Amino acid sequence: MQAKDSTVYDCTIVELDRHHSERKGNISVVENRKTVPFDVKRVYYLYDVPGGESRGGHAHKALSQLIVAASGSFTVTLDDGSVRRTFTLNRPYQGLYIVPGIWRTLEDFSSGAVCMVLASEGYDEEDYIRDYEEFLVYKK
């Protein structure tokens, strides 16, 4: 599938493998091409996002992502140029898989929220679409 043809319905919540020990806590595991359908080449996380601020506000031409609320909660709104879907992420054993060609905005960060992002590629400014009107032209 080409990024231009992707829709918000190609994006989904992924249940991460989780193991529980009453004495030792929990662990969730992410494995390349097993948990996520890509090889993770970059990991970063957002934290200390001030109240009322949003992050994201862009799309990628080739990059896939898995976004996880490692701590706290936030909402992710996905937009394919025709349809919008909003997801609340608040469980560290779930991630939101986002395919290329989808505009995303992250908002409503709770106090202490940590947003971990697993990306299929390293940073490449040429992969970003940062203007929404440009994004709409790209999708047509």
N, C-alpha and C. Protein backbone atom coordinates (compact mmCIF):
# COMPACT_ATOMS: atom_id res chain seq x y z
N MET A 1 0.84 -1.18 0.00
CA MET A 1 0.00 0.00 0.00
C MET A 1 0.88 1.24 0.00
N GLN A 2 0.51 2.21 -0.77
CA GLN A 2 1.22 3.48 -0.83
C GLN A 2 0.70 4.39 0.28
N ALA A 3 1.57 5.24 0.81
CA ALA A 3 1.18 6.16 1.88
C ALA A 3 0.03 7.06 1.44
N LYS A 4 -0.02 7.40 0.18
CA LYS A 4 -1.09 8.26 -0.32
C LYS A 4 -2.45 7.58 -0.21
N ASP A 5 -2.46 6.24 -0.22
CA ASP A 5 -3.70 5.48 -0.18
C ASP A 5 -4.09 5.04 1.23
N SER A 6 -3.25 5.28 2.22
CA SER A 6 -3.53 4.80 3.57
C SER A 6 -4.70 5.57 4.19
N THR A 7 -5.41 4.89 5.08
CA THR A 7 -6.53 5.52 5.78
C THR A 7 -6.34 5.32 7.28
N VAL A 8 -7.13 6.05 8.06
CA VAL A 8 -7.06 5.90 9.51
C VAL A 8 -7.47 4.50 9.94
N TYR A 9 -8.18 3.77 9.08
CA TYR A 9 -8.59 2.41 9.42
C TYR A 9 -7.46 1.39 9.24
N ASP A 10 -6.33 1.83 8.66
CA ASP A 10 -5.13 0.98 8.59
C ASP A 10 -4.33 1.06 9.89
N CYS A 11 -4.70 1.98 10.76
CA CYS A 11 -4.04 2.17 12.05
C CYS A 11 -4.84 1.46 13.12
N THR A 12 -4.15 0.88 14.10
CA THR A 12 -4.86 0.07 15.07
C THR A 12 -4.13 0.00 16.40
N ILE A 13 -4.87 -0.35 17.43
CA ILE A 13 -4.27 -0.59 18.75
C ILE A 13 -3.63 -1.98 18.72
N VAL A 14 -2.39 -2.04 19.19
CA VAL A 14 -1.64 -3.29 19.26
C VAL A 14 -1.48 -3.65 20.74
N GLU A 15 -1.86 -4.87 21.08
CA GLU A 15 -1.65 -5.37 22.44
C GLU A 15 -0.21 -5.87 22.54
N LEU A 16 0.54 -5.30 23.47
CA LEU A 16 1.92 -5.73 23.68
C LEU A 16 1.94 -6.94 24.60
N ASP A 17 2.89 -7.81 24.36
CA ASP A 17 3.08 -8.96 25.22
C ASP A 17 3.35 -8.46 26.63
N ARG A 18 2.62 -8.98 27.61
CA ARG A 18 2.87 -8.53 28.98
C ARG A 18 2.92 -9.71 29.92
N HIS A 19 3.80 -9.56 30.87
CA HIS A 19 4.01 -10.58 31.88
C HIS A 19 3.87 -9.93 33.25
N HIS A 20 3.19 -10.61 34.16
CA HIS A 20 2.89 -10.05 35.47
C HIS A 20 3.48 -10.92 36.57
N SER A 21 4.06 -10.27 37.53
CA SER A 21 4.53 -10.95 38.73
C SER A 21 4.07 -10.11 39.92
N GLU A 22 3.31 -10.71 40.82
CA GLU A 22 2.80 -9.97 41.97
C GLU A 22 3.93 -9.39 42.81
N ARG A 23 5.04 -10.08 42.87
CA ARG A 23 6.17 -9.60 43.69
C ARG A 23 7.07 -8.63 42.95
N LYS A 24 7.14 -8.76 41.62
CA LYS A 24 8.15 -8.01 40.89
C LYS A 24 7.59 -7.00 39.90
N GLY A 25 6.27 -6.90 39.77
CA GLY A 25 5.70 -5.93 38.83
C GLY A 25 5.43 -6.52 37.47
N ASN A 26 5.38 -5.66 36.46
CA ASN A 26 5.00 -6.05 35.11
C ASN A 26 6.10 -5.73 34.12
N ILE A 27 6.09 -6.46 33.02
CA ILE A 27 7.00 -6.19 31.92
C ILE A 27 6.23 -6.38 30.61
N SER A 28 6.42 -5.45 29.70
CA SER A 28 5.85 -5.59 28.35
C SER A 28 7.01 -5.64 27.37
N VAL A 29 6.82 -6.42 26.31
CA VAL A 29 7.89 -6.68 25.36
C VAL A 29 7.45 -6.25 23.96
N VAL A 30 8.38 -5.60 23.24
CA VAL A 30 8.15 -5.26 21.84
C VAL A 30 9.29 -5.89 21.04
N GLU A 31 8.94 -6.69 20.03
CA GLU A 31 9.95 -7.34 19.20
C GLU A 31 9.72 -6.97 17.74
N ASN A 32 10.83 -6.71 17.05
CA ASN A 32 10.77 -6.38 15.62
C ASN A 32 10.05 -7.46 14.83
N ARG A 33 9.16 -7.02 13.97
CA ARG A 33 8.40 -7.88 13.05
C ARG A 33 7.59 -8.97 13.74
N LYS A 34 7.48 -8.90 15.05
CA LYS A 34 6.63 -9.82 15.78
C LYS A 34 5.51 -9.02 16.46
N THR A 35 5.89 -8.11 17.33
CA THR A 35 4.91 -7.24 17.98
C THR A 35 4.49 -6.12 17.03
N VAL A 36 5.47 -5.55 16.33
CA VAL A 36 5.21 -4.49 15.36
C VAL A 36 5.62 -5.00 13.98
N PRO A 37 4.91 -4.58 12.93
CA PRO A 37 5.21 -5.10 11.58
C PRO A 37 6.36 -4.37 10.89
N PHE A 38 7.33 -3.91 11.67
CA PHE A 38 8.50 -3.25 11.10
C PHE A 38 9.67 -3.44 12.05
N ASP A 39 10.87 -3.15 11.57
CA ASP A 39 12.05 -3.16 12.42
C ASP A 39 12.19 -1.78 13.04
N VAL A 40 12.30 -1.73 14.36
CA VAL A 40 12.45 -0.47 15.07
C VAL A 40 13.87 0.04 14.85
N LYS A 41 13.96 1.25 14.28
CA LYS A 41 15.27 1.85 14.01
C LYS A 41 15.51 3.11 14.83
N ARG A 42 14.47 3.57 15.52
CA ARG A 42 14.61 4.78 16.34
C ARG A 42 13.57 4.72 17.45
N VAL A 43 13.99 5.10 18.65
CA VAL A 43 13.08 5.19 19.79
C VAL A 43 13.27 6.57 20.42
N TYR A 44 12.17 7.25 20.69
CA TYR A 44 12.26 8.51 21.44
C TYR A 44 11.03 8.63 22.31
N TYR A 45 11.08 9.54 23.27
CA TYR A 45 9.93 9.72 24.13
C TYR A 45 9.73 11.18 24.47
N LEU A 46 8.46 11.52 24.65
CA LEU A 46 8.03 12.86 25.01
C LEU A 46 7.62 12.84 26.48
N TYR A 47 8.00 13.86 27.22
CA TYR A 47 7.62 13.94 28.62
C TYR A 47 7.64 15.41 29.05
N ASP A 48 7.06 15.70 30.20
CA ASP A 48 6.96 17.07 30.71
C ASP A 48 6.30 18.00 29.70
N VAL A 49 5.31 17.48 28.96
CA VAL A 49 4.56 18.33 28.02
C VAL A 49 3.64 19.22 28.86
N PRO A 50 3.78 20.54 28.75
CA PRO A 50 2.94 21.44 29.56
C PRO A 50 1.45 21.26 29.27
N GLY A 51 0.63 21.46 30.29
CA GLY A 51 -0.82 21.36 30.14
C GLY A 51 -1.32 22.24 29.01
N GLY A 52 -2.22 21.71 28.20
CA GLY A 52 -2.81 22.47 27.11
C GLY A 52 -1.99 22.46 25.82
N GLU A 53 -0.79 21.93 25.87
CA GLU A 53 0.06 21.89 24.68
C GLU A 53 -0.24 20.62 23.87
N SER A 54 0.05 20.69 22.57
CA SER A 54 -0.09 19.52 21.71
C SER A 54 1.25 19.25 21.04
N ARG A 55 1.41 18.02 20.60
CA ARG A 55 2.61 17.60 19.89
C ARG A 55 2.16 16.96 18.58
N GLY A 56 3.12 16.59 17.76
CA GLY A 56 2.77 16.01 16.47
C GLY A 56 2.46 17.11 15.49
N GLY A 57 1.28 17.06 14.91
CA GLY A 57 0.90 18.05 13.93
C GLY A 57 1.69 17.88 12.64
N HIS A 58 1.82 16.63 12.19
CA HIS A 58 2.53 16.33 10.96
C HIS A 58 2.16 14.93 10.48
N ALA A 59 2.64 14.59 9.29
CA ALA A 59 2.48 13.25 8.72
C ALA A 59 3.85 12.81 8.21
N HIS A 60 3.97 11.52 7.94
CA HIS A 60 5.19 10.96 7.36
C HIS A 60 4.86 10.28 6.04
N LYS A 61 5.79 10.38 5.11
CA LYS A 61 5.61 9.75 3.80
C LYS A 61 5.96 8.27 3.83
N ALA A 62 6.96 7.89 4.65
CA ALA A 62 7.43 6.50 4.65
C ALA A 62 7.50 5.87 6.03
N LEU A 63 7.56 6.66 7.08
CA LEU A 63 7.78 6.17 8.44
C LEU A 63 6.52 5.56 9.04
N SER A 64 6.68 4.41 9.67
CA SER A 64 5.63 3.80 10.49
C SER A 64 6.01 4.01 11.95
N GLN A 65 5.02 4.06 12.84
CA GLN A 65 5.29 4.27 14.25
C GLN A 65 4.39 3.40 15.11
N LEU A 66 4.89 3.10 16.31
CA LEU A 66 4.08 2.54 17.38
C LEU A 66 4.21 3.52 18.53
N ILE A 67 3.08 4.10 18.96
CA ILE A 67 3.08 5.08 20.03
C ILE A 67 2.49 4.43 21.27
N VAL A 68 3.20 4.55 22.39
CA VAL A 68 2.81 3.90 23.65
C VAL A 68 2.77 4.95 24.76
N ALA A 69 1.73 4.91 25.57
CA ALA A 69 1.68 5.72 26.79
C ALA A 69 2.44 4.93 27.85
N ALA A 70 3.75 5.14 27.95
CA ALA A 70 4.56 4.41 28.92
C ALA A 70 4.16 4.76 30.34
N SER A 71 3.63 5.97 30.52
CA SER A 71 3.12 6.42 31.81
C SER A 71 2.06 7.48 31.55
N GLY A 72 1.03 7.52 32.37
CA GLY A 72 -0.01 8.53 32.21
C GLY A 72 -0.88 8.29 31.00
N SER A 73 -1.42 9.39 30.46
CA SER A 73 -2.34 9.25 29.33
C SER A 73 -2.27 10.48 28.43
N PHE A 74 -2.76 10.29 27.19
CA PHE A 74 -2.88 11.37 26.21
C PHE A 74 -3.76 10.86 25.09
N THR A 75 -4.22 11.77 24.24
CA THR A 75 -5.04 11.37 23.11
C THR A 75 -4.25 11.58 21.82
N VAL A 76 -4.52 10.72 20.86
CA VAL A 76 -3.91 10.81 19.54
C VAL A 76 -5.04 10.90 18.53
N THR A 77 -5.04 11.96 17.74
CA THR A 77 -6.03 12.10 16.68
C THR A 77 -5.34 11.84 15.35
N LEU A 78 -5.88 10.89 14.60
CA LEU A 78 -5.35 10.53 13.29
C LEU A 78 -6.29 11.07 12.22
N ASP A 79 -5.70 11.49 11.11
CA ASP A 79 -6.46 12.12 10.03
C ASP A 79 -5.86 11.65 8.71
N ASP A 80 -6.71 11.12 7.82
CA ASP A 80 -6.22 10.68 6.51
C ASP A 80 -6.62 11.64 5.39
N GLY A 81 -7.11 12.82 5.76
CA GLY A 81 -7.56 13.79 4.78
C GLY A 81 -9.05 13.74 4.54
N SER A 82 -9.68 12.62 4.94
CA SER A 82 -11.13 12.46 4.80
C SER A 82 -11.80 12.13 6.13
N VAL A 83 -11.16 11.27 6.91
CA VAL A 83 -11.73 10.76 8.15
C VAL A 83 -10.75 11.00 9.29
N ARG A 84 -11.29 11.32 10.46
CA ARG A 84 -10.48 11.44 11.68
C ARG A 84 -10.92 10.39 12.69
N ARG A 85 -9.94 9.85 13.41
CA ARG A 85 -10.20 8.92 14.52
C ARG A 85 -9.36 9.37 15.69
N THR A 86 -9.93 9.30 16.89
CA THR A 86 -9.20 9.68 18.10
C THR A 86 -9.08 8.47 19.01
N PHE A 87 -7.87 8.28 19.53
CA PHE A 87 -7.57 7.19 20.45
C PHE A 87 -7.06 7.78 21.75
N THR A 88 -7.51 7.24 22.87
CA THR A 88 -6.94 7.59 24.17
C THR A 88 -5.96 6.49 24.54
N LEU A 89 -4.71 6.87 24.74
CA LEU A 89 -3.70 5.90 25.16
C LEU A 89 -3.45 6.10 26.65
N ASN A 90 -3.62 5.03 27.42
CA ASN A 90 -3.45 5.12 28.87
C ASN A 90 -3.02 3.80 29.50
N ARG A 91 -2.57 2.87 28.69
CA ARG A 91 -2.12 1.57 29.20
C ARG A 91 -0.74 1.26 28.61
N PRO A 92 0.25 1.01 29.44
CA PRO A 92 1.60 0.79 28.93
C PRO A 92 1.77 -0.53 28.17
N TYR A 93 0.74 -1.36 28.14
CA TYR A 93 0.80 -2.62 27.40
C TYR A 93 0.01 -2.55 26.10
N GLN A 94 -0.32 -1.33 25.68
CA GLN A 94 -0.97 -1.14 24.38
C GLN A 94 -0.23 -0.05 23.62
N GLY A 95 -0.18 -0.20 22.30
CA GLY A 95 0.42 0.82 21.46
C GLY A 95 -0.49 1.11 20.28
N LEU A 96 -0.35 2.29 19.74
CA LEU A 96 -1.10 2.68 18.55
C LEU A 96 -0.17 2.59 17.36
N TYR A 97 -0.48 1.68 16.45
CA TYR A 97 0.30 1.50 15.22
C TYR A 97 -0.21 2.49 14.18
N ILE A 98 0.71 3.34 13.68
CA ILE A 98 0.36 4.35 12.68
C ILE A 98 1.15 4.08 11.41
N VAL A 99 0.43 3.93 10.32
CA VAL A 99 1.05 3.69 9.01
C VAL A 99 1.47 5.02 8.39
N PRO A 100 2.32 4.98 7.37
CA PRO A 100 2.69 6.22 6.67
C PRO A 100 1.48 6.88 6.02
N GLY A 101 1.57 8.20 5.84
CA GLY A 101 0.51 8.93 5.14
C GLY A 101 -0.65 9.34 6.01
N ILE A 102 -0.45 9.36 7.33
CA ILE A 102 -1.51 9.74 8.26
C ILE A 102 -1.05 10.94 9.08
N TRP A 103 -1.87 11.98 9.13
CA TRP A 103 -1.60 13.15 9.96
C TRP A 103 -1.92 12.79 11.41
N ARG A 104 -1.05 13.18 12.34
CA ARG A 104 -1.30 12.85 13.73
C ARG A 104 -1.08 14.07 14.61
N THR A 105 -1.92 14.16 15.67
CA THR A 105 -1.80 15.19 16.68
C THR A 105 -1.96 14.53 18.05
N LEU A 106 -1.08 14.85 18.98
CA LEU A 106 -1.12 14.32 20.33
C LEU A 106 -1.48 15.45 21.28
N GLU A 107 -2.48 15.21 22.14
CA GLU A 107 -3.00 16.25 23.03
C GLU A 107 -3.42 15.66 24.36
N ASP A 108 -3.87 16.53 25.25
CA ASP A 108 -4.46 16.14 26.53
C ASP A 108 -3.53 15.27 27.36
N PHE A 109 -2.28 15.66 27.44
CA PHE A 109 -1.30 14.91 28.24
C PHE A 109 -1.62 15.06 29.72
N SER A 110 -1.70 13.94 30.43
CA SER A 110 -1.89 13.99 31.87
C SER A 110 -0.57 14.40 32.52
N SER A 111 -0.65 14.82 33.76
CA SER A 111 0.56 15.17 34.50
C SER A 111 1.45 13.93 34.62
N GLY A 112 2.70 14.06 34.26
CA GLY A 112 3.64 12.94 34.35
C GLY A 112 3.57 11.97 33.19
N ALA A 113 2.81 12.29 32.15
CA ALA A 113 2.68 11.39 31.01
C ALA A 113 4.02 11.23 30.28
N VAL A 114 4.29 10.02 29.84
CA VAL A 114 5.46 9.72 29.02
C VAL A 114 4.96 9.01 27.76
N CYS A 115 5.22 9.61 26.61
CA CYS A 115 4.84 9.06 25.32
C CYS A 115 6.08 8.48 24.67
N MET A 116 6.12 7.16 24.52
CA MET A 116 7.25 6.49 23.88
C MET A 116 6.87 6.18 22.43
N VAL A 117 7.77 6.52 21.52
CA VAL A 117 7.52 6.30 20.09
C VAL A 117 8.60 5.38 19.53
N LEU A 118 8.15 4.29 18.91
CA LEU A 118 9.05 3.37 18.21
C LEU A 118 8.85 3.62 16.72
N ALA A 119 9.93 3.94 16.02
CA ALA A 119 9.83 4.34 14.62
C ALA A 119 10.56 3.37 13.71
N SER A 120 10.04 3.23 12.49
CA SER A 120 10.59 2.28 11.51
C SER A 120 11.84 2.82 10.81
N GLU A 121 12.10 4.11 10.94
CA GLU A 121 13.25 4.72 10.26
C GLU A 121 13.92 5.71 11.19
N GLY A 122 15.16 6.06 10.88
CA GLY A 122 15.83 7.14 11.59
C GLY A 122 15.23 8.47 11.18
N TYR A 123 15.65 9.52 11.85
CA TYR A 123 15.13 10.85 11.55
C TYR A 123 15.53 11.27 10.14
N ASP A 124 14.53 11.76 9.37
CA ASP A 124 14.77 12.27 8.02
C ASP A 124 13.77 13.39 7.77
N GLU A 125 14.25 14.63 7.78
CA GLU A 125 13.37 15.78 7.62
C GLU A 125 12.56 15.70 6.32
N GLU A 126 13.13 15.09 5.28
CA GLU A 126 12.44 14.98 3.98
C GLU A 126 11.20 14.09 4.06
N ASP A 127 11.10 13.26 5.09
CA ASP A 127 9.96 12.36 5.25
C ASP A 127 8.74 13.06 5.85
N TYR A 128 8.93 14.22 6.44
CA TYR A 128 7.86 14.94 7.14
C TYR A 128 7.01 15.78 6.18
N ILE A 129 5.72 15.82 6.46
CA ILE A 129 4.82 16.82 5.88
C ILE A 129 4.30 17.60 7.09
N ARG A 130 4.71 18.86 7.19
CA ARG A 130 4.40 19.66 8.38
C ARG A 130 3.28 20.67 8.17
N ASP A 131 2.83 20.84 6.94
CA ASP A 131 1.75 21.78 6.62
C ASP A 131 0.51 20.98 6.24
N TYR A 132 -0.61 21.24 6.93
CA TYR A 132 -1.81 20.44 6.71
C TYR A 132 -2.35 20.58 5.28
N GLU A 133 -2.31 21.78 4.73
CA GLU A 133 -2.79 21.96 3.36
C GLU A 133 -1.91 21.18 2.37
N GLU A 134 -0.63 21.16 2.61
CA GLU A 134 0.30 20.37 1.79
C GLU A 134 -0.01 18.88 1.92
N PHE A 135 -0.37 18.47 3.13
CA PHE A 135 -0.76 17.08 3.38
C PHE A 135 -1.99 16.70 2.55
N LEU A 136 -2.99 17.58 2.52
CA LEU A 136 -4.20 17.30 1.74
C LEU A 136 -3.89 17.17 0.26
N VAL A 137 -3.00 17.99 -0.26
CA VAL A 137 -2.59 17.89 -1.66
C VAL A 137 -1.87 16.56 -1.89
N TYR A 138 -0.99 16.18 -0.96
CA TYR A 138 -0.24 14.91 -1.05
C TYR A 138 -1.19 13.72 -1.12
N LYS A 139 -2.25 13.74 -0.34
CA LYS A 139 -3.18 12.61 -0.27
C LYS A 139 -4.07 12.49 -1.50
N LYS A 140 -4.20 13.53 -2.28
CA LYS A 140 -5.08 13.48 -3.46
C LYS A 140 -4.38 12.94 -4.68
